[in-house]
Amino acid sequence: KLFKNILTGLNMTFHNKTVDGSEIQHYISE
């Protein structure tokens, strides 16, 4: 449930955005 929320959260937080890899890594850890 948490893992799924992380994946959906990534797509909501970074919707239509360009990102650095560090942002994705930090989000998952957080």
PDB file of all heavy atoms in Angstrom:
ATOM      1  N   LYS A   1       0.841  -1.194   0.000  1.00  0.00           N
ATOM      2  CA  LYS A   1       0.000   0.000   0.000  1.00  0.00           C
ATOM      3  C   LYS A   1       0.879   1.249   0.000  1.00  0.00           C
ATOM      4  O   LYS A   1       0.639   2.198  -0.758  1.00  0.00           O
ATOM      5  CB  LYS A   1      -0.931   0.008   1.205  1.00  0.00           C
ATOM      6  CG  LYS A   1      -1.857   1.223   1.237  1.00  0.00           C
ATOM      7  CD  LYS A   1      -2.810   1.166   2.434  1.00  0.00           C
ATOM      8  CE  LYS A   1      -3.727   2.398   2.443  1.00  0.00           C
ATOM      9  NZ  LYS A   1      -4.661   2.372   3.605  1.00  0.00           N
ATOM     10  N   LEU A   2       1.914   1.238   0.833  1.00  0.00           N
ATOM     11  CA  LEU A   2       2.848   2.368   0.872  1.00  0.00           C
ATOM     12  C   LEU A   2       3.613   2.479  -0.446  1.00  0.00           C
ATOM     13  O   LEU A   2       3.780   3.580  -0.986  1.00  0.00           O
ATOM     14  CB  LEU A   2       3.819   2.195   2.037  1.00  0.00           C
ATOM     15  CG  LEU A   2       4.966   3.221   2.130  1.00  0.00           C
ATOM     16  CD1 LEU A   2       4.418   4.640   2.233  1.00  0.00           C
ATOM     17  CD2 LEU A   2       5.867   2.885   3.313  1.00  0.00           C
ATOM     18  N   PHE A   3       4.057   1.348  -0.980  1.00  0.00           N
ATOM     19  CA  PHE A   3       4.809   1.370  -2.236  1.00  0.00           C
ATOM     20  C   PHE A   3       3.953   1.928  -3.362  1.00  0.00           C
ATOM     21  O   PHE A   3       4.424   2.746  -4.180  1.00  0.00           O
ATOM     22  CB  PHE A   3       5.292  -0.037  -2.569  1.00  0.00           C
ATOM     23  CG  PHE A   3       6.197  -0.100  -3.763  1.00  0.00           C
ATOM     24  CD1 PHE A   3       7.488   0.402  -3.705  1.00  0.00           C
ATOM     25  CD2 PHE A   3       5.762  -0.666  -4.959  1.00  0.00           C
ATOM     26  CE1 PHE A   3       8.329   0.346  -4.818  1.00  0.00           C
ATOM     27  CE2 PHE A   3       6.590  -0.724  -6.069  1.00  0.00           C
ATOM     28  CZ  PHE A   3       7.877  -0.214  -5.987  1.00  0.00           C
ATOM     29  N   LYS A   4       2.713   1.493  -3.428  1.00  0.00           N
ATOM     30  CA  LYS A   4       1.789   2.016  -4.442  1.00  0.00           C
ATOM     31  C   LYS A   4       1.590   3.514  -4.258  1.00  0.00           C
ATOM     32  O   LYS A   4       1.573   4.280  -5.244  1.00  0.00           O
ATOM     33  CB  LYS A   4       0.456   1.283  -4.345  1.00  0.00           C
ATOM     34  CG  LYS A   4      -0.652   1.811  -5.246  1.00  0.00           C
ATOM     35  CD  LYS A   4      -1.907   0.965  -5.083  1.00  0.00           C
ATOM     36  CE  LYS A   4      -3.077   1.516  -5.881  1.00  0.00           C
ATOM     37  NZ  LYS A   4      -3.579   2.800  -5.336  1.00  0.00           N
ATOM     38  N   ASN A   5       1.454   3.974  -3.021  1.00  0.00           N
ATOM     39  CA  ASN A   5       1.288   5.406  -2.763  1.00  0.00           C
ATOM     40  C   ASN A   5       2.516   6.197  -3.200  1.00  0.00           C
ATOM     41  O   ASN A   5       2.402   7.350  -3.638  1.00  0.00           O
ATOM     42  CB  ASN A   5       1.010   5.649  -1.283  1.00  0.00           C
ATOM     43  CG  ASN A   5      -0.389   5.210  -0.879  1.00  0.00           C
ATOM     44  OD1 ASN A   5      -1.266   5.046  -1.719  1.00  0.00           O
ATOM     45  ND2 ASN A   5      -0.595   5.010   0.413  1.00  0.00           N
ATOM     46  N   ILE A   6       3.691   5.593  -3.063  1.00  0.00           N
ATOM     47  CA  ILE A   6       4.921   6.260  -3.521  1.00  0.00           C
ATOM     48  C   ILE A   6       4.888   6.438  -5.033  1.00  0.00           C
ATOM     49  O   ILE A   6       5.204   7.514  -5.564  1.00  0.00           O
ATOM     50  CB  ILE A   6       6.163   5.466  -3.080  1.00  0.00           C
ATOM     51  CG1 ILE A   6       6.356   5.575  -1.560  1.00  0.00           C
ATOM     52  CG2 ILE A   6       7.410   5.969  -3.808  1.00  0.00           C
ATOM     53  CD1 ILE A   6       7.441   4.678  -1.019  1.00  0.00           C
ATOM     54  N   LEU A   7       4.482   5.395  -5.747  1.00  0.00           N
ATOM     55  CA  LEU A   7       4.441   5.474  -7.209  1.00  0.00           C
ATOM     56  C   LEU A   7       3.395   6.472  -7.696  1.00  0.00           C
ATOM     57  O   LEU A   7       3.662   7.269  -8.606  1.00  0.00           O
ATOM     58  CB  LEU A   7       4.164   4.088  -7.791  1.00  0.00           C
ATOM     59  CG  LEU A   7       5.241   3.026  -7.544  1.00  0.00           C
ATOM     60  CD1 LEU A   7       4.786   1.671  -8.082  1.00  0.00           C
ATOM     61  CD2 LEU A   7       6.561   3.433  -8.175  1.00  0.00           C
ATOM     62  N   THR A   8       2.203   6.421  -7.107  1.00  0.00           N
ATOM     63  CA  THR A   8       1.181   7.389  -7.509  1.00  0.00           C
ATOM     64  C   THR A   8       1.585   8.793  -7.074  1.00  0.00           C
ATOM     65  O   THR A   8       1.331   9.769  -7.795  1.00  0.00           O
ATOM     66  CB  THR A   8      -0.186   7.024  -6.913  1.00  0.00           C
ATOM     67  OG1 THR A   8      -0.087   6.932  -5.487  1.00  0.00           O
ATOM     68  CG2 THR A   8      -0.684   5.703  -7.452  1.00  0.00           C
ATOM     69  N   GLY A   9       2.218   8.889  -5.910  1.00  0.00           N
ATOM     70  CA  GLY A   9       2.675  10.199  -5.434  1.00  0.00           C
ATOM     71  C   GLY A   9       3.722  10.814  -6.331  1.00  0.00           C
ATOM     72  O   GLY A   9       3.724  12.032  -6.556  1.00  0.00           O
ATOM     73  N   LEU A  10       4.620  10.002  -6.845  1.00  0.00           N
ATOM     74  CA  LEU A  10       5.611  10.505  -7.797  1.00  0.00           C
ATOM     75  C   LEU A  10       4.916  11.137  -9.003  1.00  0.00           C
ATOM     76  O   LEU A  10       5.294  12.232  -9.449  1.00  0.00           O
ATOM     77  CB  LEU A  10       6.521   9.369  -8.267  1.00  0.00           C
ATOM     78  CG  LEU A  10       7.629   8.903  -7.328  1.00  0.00           C
ATOM     79  CD1 LEU A  10       8.250   7.601  -7.825  1.00  0.00           C
ATOM     80  CD2 LEU A  10       8.708   9.982  -7.188  1.00  0.00           C
ATOM     81  N   ASN A  11       3.904  10.450  -9.524  1.00  0.00           N
ATOM     82  CA  ASN A  11       3.228  10.946 -10.723  1.00  0.00           C
ATOM     83  C   ASN A  11       2.339  12.147 -10.447  1.00  0.00           C
ATOM     84  O   ASN A  11       2.054  12.927 -11.370  1.00  0.00           O
ATOM     85  CB  ASN A  11       2.432   9.811 -11.366  1.00  0.00           C
ATOM     86  CG  ASN A  11       3.298   8.929 -12.233  1.00  0.00           C
ATOM     87  OD1 ASN A  11       3.619   9.277 -13.363  1.00  0.00           O
ATOM     88  ND2 ASN A  11       3.705   7.785 -11.697  1.00  0.00           N
ATOM     89  N   MET A  12       1.927  12.334  -9.218  1.00  0.00           N
ATOM     90  CA  MET A  12       1.170  13.540  -8.860  1.00  0.00           C
ATOM     91  C   MET A  12       2.111  14.707  -8.562  1.00  0.00           C
ATOM     92  O   MET A  12       1.924  15.821  -9.039  1.00  0.00           O
ATOM     93  CB  MET A  12       0.284  13.245  -7.653  1.00  0.00           C
ATOM     94  CG  MET A  12      -0.857  12.283  -7.927  1.00  0.00           C
ATOM     95  SD  MET A  12      -1.767  11.831  -6.418  1.00  0.00           S
ATOM     96  CE  MET A  12      -2.405  13.450  -5.940  1.00  0.00           C
ATOM     97  N   THR A  13       3.141  14.430  -7.765  1.00  0.00           N
ATOM     98  CA  THR A  13       4.074  15.489  -7.347  1.00  0.00           C
ATOM     99  C   THR A  13       4.850  16.041  -8.530  1.00  0.00           C
ATOM    100  O   THR A  13       5.089  17.255  -8.618  1.00  0.00           O
ATOM    101  CB  THR A  13       5.042  14.946  -6.290  1.00  0.00           C
ATOM    102  OG1 THR A  13       4.293  14.438  -5.178  1.00  0.00           O
ATOM    103  CG2 THR A  13       6.010  16.025  -5.819  1.00  0.00           C
ATOM    104  N   PHE A  14       5.250  15.165  -9.430  1.00  0.00           N
ATOM    105  CA  PHE A  14       6.080  15.587 -10.563  1.00  0.00           C
ATOM    106  C   PHE A  14       5.300  15.530 -11.875  1.00  0.00           C
ATOM    107  O   PHE A  14       5.880  15.316 -12.940  1.00  0.00           O
ATOM    108  CB  PHE A  14       7.338  14.721 -10.634  1.00  0.00           C
ATOM    109  CG  PHE A  14       8.177  14.775  -9.393  1.00  0.00           C
ATOM    110  CD1 PHE A  14       8.216  13.699  -8.518  1.00  0.00           C
ATOM    111  CD2 PHE A  14       8.914  15.908  -9.078  1.00  0.00           C
ATOM    112  CE1 PHE A  14       8.978  13.745  -7.362  1.00  0.00           C
ATOM    113  CE2 PHE A  14       9.678  15.968  -7.931  1.00  0.00           C
ATOM    114  CZ  PHE A  14       9.715  14.890  -7.062  1.00  0.00           C
ATOM    115  N   HIS A  15       3.982  15.751 -11.792  1.00  0.00           N
ATOM    116  CA  HIS A  15       3.141  15.718 -12.984  1.00  0.00           C
ATOM    117  C   HIS A  15       3.590  16.766 -13.995  1.00  0.00           C
ATOM    118  O   HIS A  15       3.730  17.950 -13.673  1.00  0.00           O
ATOM    119  CB  HIS A  15       1.688  15.969 -12.597  1.00  0.00           C
ATOM    120  CG  HIS A  15       0.741  16.043 -13.761  1.00  0.00           C
ATOM    121  ND1 HIS A  15       0.511  14.977 -14.589  1.00  0.00           N
ATOM    122  CD2 HIS A  15      -0.016  17.068 -14.230  1.00  0.00           C
ATOM    123  CE1 HIS A  15      -0.353  15.330 -15.522  1.00  0.00           C
ATOM    124  NE2 HIS A  15      -0.685  16.590 -15.338  1.00  0.00           N
ATOM    125  N   ASN A  16       3.845  16.302 -15.227  1.00  0.00           N
ATOM    126  CA  ASN A  16       4.253  17.188 -16.316  1.00  0.00           C
ATOM    127  C   ASN A  16       5.497  18.013 -15.964  1.00  0.00           C
ATOM    128  O   ASN A  16       5.603  19.180 -16.334  1.00  0.00           O
ATOM    129  CB  ASN A  16       3.107  18.124 -16.706  1.00  0.00           C
ATOM    130  CG  ASN A  16       2.209  17.516 -17.766  1.00  0.00           C
ATOM    131  OD1 ASN A  16       2.611  16.628 -18.510  1.00  0.00           O
ATOM    132  ND2 ASN A  16       0.971  17.975 -17.839  1.00  0.00           N
ATOM    133  N   LYS A  17       6.436  17.374 -15.272  1.00  0.00           N
ATOM    134  CA  LYS A  17       7.654  18.086 -14.876  1.00  0.00           C
ATOM    135  C   LYS A  17       8.889  17.347 -15.363  1.00  0.00           C
ATOM    136  O   LYS A  17       8.874  16.143 -15.582  1.00  0.00           O
ATOM    137  CB  LYS A  17       7.706  18.238 -13.348  1.00  0.00           C
ATOM    138  CG  LYS A  17       6.655  19.187 -12.786  1.00  0.00           C
ATOM    139  CD  LYS A  17       6.801  19.350 -11.284  1.00  0.00           C
ATOM    140  CE  LYS A  17       5.756  20.318 -10.741  1.00  0.00           C
ATOM    141  NZ  LYS A  17       5.850  20.468  -9.265  1.00  0.00           N
ATOM    142  N   THR A  18       9.965  18.108 -15.511  1.00  0.00           N
ATOM    143  CA  THR A  18      11.274  17.522 -15.739  1.00  0.00           C
ATOM    144  C   THR A  18      12.018  17.555 -14.411  1.00  0.00           C
ATOM    145  O   THR A  18      11.916  18.525 -13.651  1.00  0.00           O
ATOM    146  CB  THR A  18      12.064  18.278 -16.816  1.00  0.00           C
ATOM    147  OG1 THR A  18      12.317  19.622 -16.379  1.00  0.00           O
ATOM    148  CG2 THR A  18      11.287  18.307 -18.128  1.00  0.00           C
ATOM    149  N   VAL A  19      12.775  16.499 -14.133  1.00  0.00           N
ATOM    150  CA  VAL A  19      13.358  16.339 -12.806  1.00  0.00           C
ATOM    151  C   VAL A  19      14.796  15.842 -12.903  1.00  0.00           C
ATOM    152  O   VAL A  19      15.228  15.294 -13.921  1.00  0.00           O
ATOM    153  CB  VAL A  19      12.550  15.345 -11.950  1.00  0.00           C
ATOM    154  CG1 VAL A  19      11.115  15.820 -11.767  1.00  0.00           C
ATOM    155  CG2 VAL A  19      12.569  13.947 -12.562  1.00  0.00           C
ATOM    156  N   ASP A  20      15.515  16.008 -11.797  1.00  0.00           N
ATOM    157  CA  ASP A  20      16.811  15.369 -11.612  1.00  0.00           C
ATOM    158  C   ASP A  20      16.597  14.041 -10.895  1.00  0.00           C
ATOM    159  O   ASP A  20      15.674  13.897 -10.085  1.00  0.00           O
ATOM    160  CB  ASP A  20      17.742  16.246 -10.781  1.00  0.00           C
ATOM    161  CG  ASP A  20      18.077  17.549 -11.466  1.00  0.00           C
ATOM    162  OD1 ASP A  20      18.151  17.566 -12.708  1.00  0.00           O
ATOM    163  OD2 ASP A  20      18.270  18.556 -10.755  1.00  0.00           O
ATOM    164  N   GLY A  21      17.472  13.098 -11.143  1.00  0.00           N
ATOM    165  CA  GLY A  21      17.348  11.807 -10.492  1.00  0.00           C
ATOM    166  C   GLY A  21      17.360  11.909  -8.981  1.00  0.00           C
ATOM    167  O   GLY A  21      16.682  11.141  -8.291  1.00  0.00           O
ATOM    168  N   SER A  22      18.120  12.855  -8.453  1.00  0.00           N
ATOM    169  CA  SER A  22      18.201  13.019  -6.999  1.00  0.00           C
ATOM    170  C   SER A  22      16.840  13.351  -6.396  1.00  0.00           C
ATOM    171  O   SER A  22      16.553  12.961  -5.251  1.00  0.00           O
ATOM    172  CB  SER A  22      19.215  14.111  -6.652  1.00  0.00           C
ATOM    173  OG  SER A  22      18.847  15.345  -7.263  1.00  0.00           O
ATOM    174  N   GLU A  23      15.993  14.055  -7.139  1.00  0.00           N
ATOM    175  CA  GLU A  23      14.661  14.382  -6.636  1.00  0.00           C
ATOM    176  C   GLU A  23      13.807  13.126  -6.476  1.00  0.00           C
ATOM    177  O   GLU A  23      13.063  12.985  -5.499  1.00  0.00           O
ATOM    178  CB  GLU A  23      13.961  15.363  -7.585  1.00  0.00           C
ATOM    179  CG  GLU A  23      14.603  16.723  -7.681  1.00  0.00           C
ATOM    180  CD  GLU A  23      13.903  17.619  -8.680  1.00  0.00           C
ATOM    181  OE1 GLU A  23      12.887  18.227  -8.312  1.00  0.00           O
ATOM    182  OE2 GLU A  23      14.358  17.677  -9.844  1.00  0.00           O
ATOM    183  N   ILE A  24      13.911  12.229  -7.436  1.00  0.00           N
ATOM    184  CA  ILE A  24      13.149  10.981  -7.379  1.00  0.00           C
ATOM    185  C   ILE A  24      13.653  10.117  -6.222  1.00  0.00           C
ATOM    186  O   ILE A  24      12.870   9.553  -5.452  1.00  0.00           O
ATOM    187  CB  ILE A  24      13.258  10.220  -8.709  1.00  0.00           C
ATOM    188  CG1 ILE A  24      12.712  11.076  -9.862  1.00  0.00           C
ATOM    189  CG2 ILE A  24      12.527   8.893  -8.626  1.00  0.00           C
ATOM    190  CD1 ILE A  24      11.264  11.470  -9.720  1.00  0.00           C
ATOM    191  N   GLN A  25      14.961  10.022  -6.095  1.00  0.00           N
ATOM    192  CA  GLN A  25      15.540   9.217  -5.018  1.00  0.00           C
ATOM    193  C   GLN A  25      15.143   9.768  -3.653  1.00  0.00           C
ATOM    194  O   GLN A  25      14.780   9.003  -2.743  1.00  0.00           O
ATOM    195  CB  GLN A  25      17.057   9.190  -5.150  1.00  0.00           C
ATOM    196  CG  GLN A  25      17.558   8.495  -6.409  1.00  0.00           C
ATOM    197  CD  GLN A  25      19.068   8.550  -6.528  1.00  0.00           C
ATOM    198  OE1 GLN A  25      19.789   8.655  -5.535  1.00  0.00           O
ATOM    199  NE2 GLN A  25      19.576   8.495  -7.750  1.00  0.00           N
ATOM    200  N   HIS A  26      15.228  11.070  -3.493  1.00  0.00           N
ATOM    201  CA  HIS A  26      14.875  11.692  -2.217  1.00  0.00           C
ATOM    202  C   HIS A  26      13.401  11.470  -1.898  1.00  0.00           C
ATOM    203  O   HIS A  26      13.047  11.186  -0.734  1.00  0.00           O
ATOM    204  CB  HIS A  26      15.188  13.185  -2.246  1.00  0.00           C
ATOM    205  CG  HIS A  26      14.775  13.914  -1.001  1.00  0.00           C
ATOM    206  ND1 HIS A  26      15.471  13.805   0.184  1.00  0.00           N
ATOM    207  CD2 HIS A  26      13.718  14.731  -0.752  1.00  0.00           C
ATOM    208  CE1 HIS A  26      14.868  14.529   1.115  1.00  0.00           C
ATOM    209  NE2 HIS A  26      13.807  15.100   0.573  1.00  0.00           N
ATOM    210  N   TYR A  27      12.542  11.586  -2.886  1.00  0.00           N
ATOM    211  CA  TYR A  27      11.109  11.395  -2.662  1.00  0.00           C
ATOM    212  C   TYR A  27      10.826   9.980  -2.157  1.00  0.00           C
ATOM    213  O   TYR A  27      10.060   9.788  -1.198  1.00  0.00           O
ATOM    214  CB  TYR A  27      10.334  11.660  -3.955  1.00  0.00           C
ATOM    215  CG  TYR A  27       8.829  11.556  -3.788  1.00  0.00           C
ATOM    216  CD1 TYR A  27       8.063  12.679  -3.505  1.00  0.00           C
ATOM    217  CD2 TYR A  27       8.173  10.330  -3.895  1.00  0.00           C
ATOM    218  CE1 TYR A  27       6.683  12.587  -3.334  1.00  0.00           C
ATOM    219  CE2 TYR A  27       6.802  10.224  -3.722  1.00  0.00           C
ATOM    220  CZ  TYR A  27       6.061  11.353  -3.438  1.00  0.00           C
ATOM    221  OH  TYR A  27       4.707  11.247  -3.267  1.00  0.00           O
ATOM    222  N   ILE A  28      11.436   8.990  -2.792  1.00  0.00           N
ATOM    223  CA  ILE A  28      11.207   7.605  -2.388  1.00  0.00           C
ATOM    224  C   ILE A  28      11.677   7.384  -0.951  1.00  0.00           C
ATOM    225  O   ILE A  28      10.972   6.782  -0.130  1.00  0.00           O
ATOM    226  CB  ILE A  28      11.908   6.640  -3.358  1.00  0.00           C
ATOM    227  CG1 ILE A  28      11.225   6.700  -4.726  1.00  0.00           C
ATOM    228  CG2 ILE A  28      11.894   5.211  -2.815  1.00  0.00           C
ATOM    229  CD1 ILE A  28      11.939   5.920  -5.815  1.00  0.00           C
ATOM    230  N   SER A  29      12.870   7.885  -0.622  1.00  0.00           N
ATOM    231  CA  SER A  29      13.385   7.722   0.738  1.00  0.00           C
ATOM    232  C   SER A  29      12.492   8.421   1.756  1.00  0.00           C
ATOM    233  O   SER A  29      12.176   7.871   2.817  1.00  0.00           O
ATOM    234  CB  SER A  29      14.810   8.277   0.828  1.00  0.00           C
ATOM    235  OG  SER A  29      15.718   7.489   0.088  1.00  0.00           O
ATOM    236  N   GLU A  30      12.068   9.624   1.423  1.00  0.00           N
ATOM    237  CA  GLU A  30      11.247  10.396   2.353  1.00  0.00           C
ATOM    238  C   GLU A  30       9.917   9.699   2.623  1.00  0.00           C
ATOM    239  O   GLU A  30       9.493   9.548   3.783  1.00  0.00           O
ATOM    240  CB  GLU A  30      10.999  11.791   1.789  1.00  0.00           C
ATOM    241  CG  GLU A  30      10.130  12.674   2.673  1.00  0.00           C
ATOM    242  CD  GLU A  30       9.835  14.018   2.044  1.00  0.00           C
ATOM    243  OE1 GLU A  30       9.553  14.055   0.823  1.00  0.00           O
ATOM    244  OE2 GLU A  30       9.898  15.022   2.767  1.00  0.00           O
TER     245      GLU A  30
END
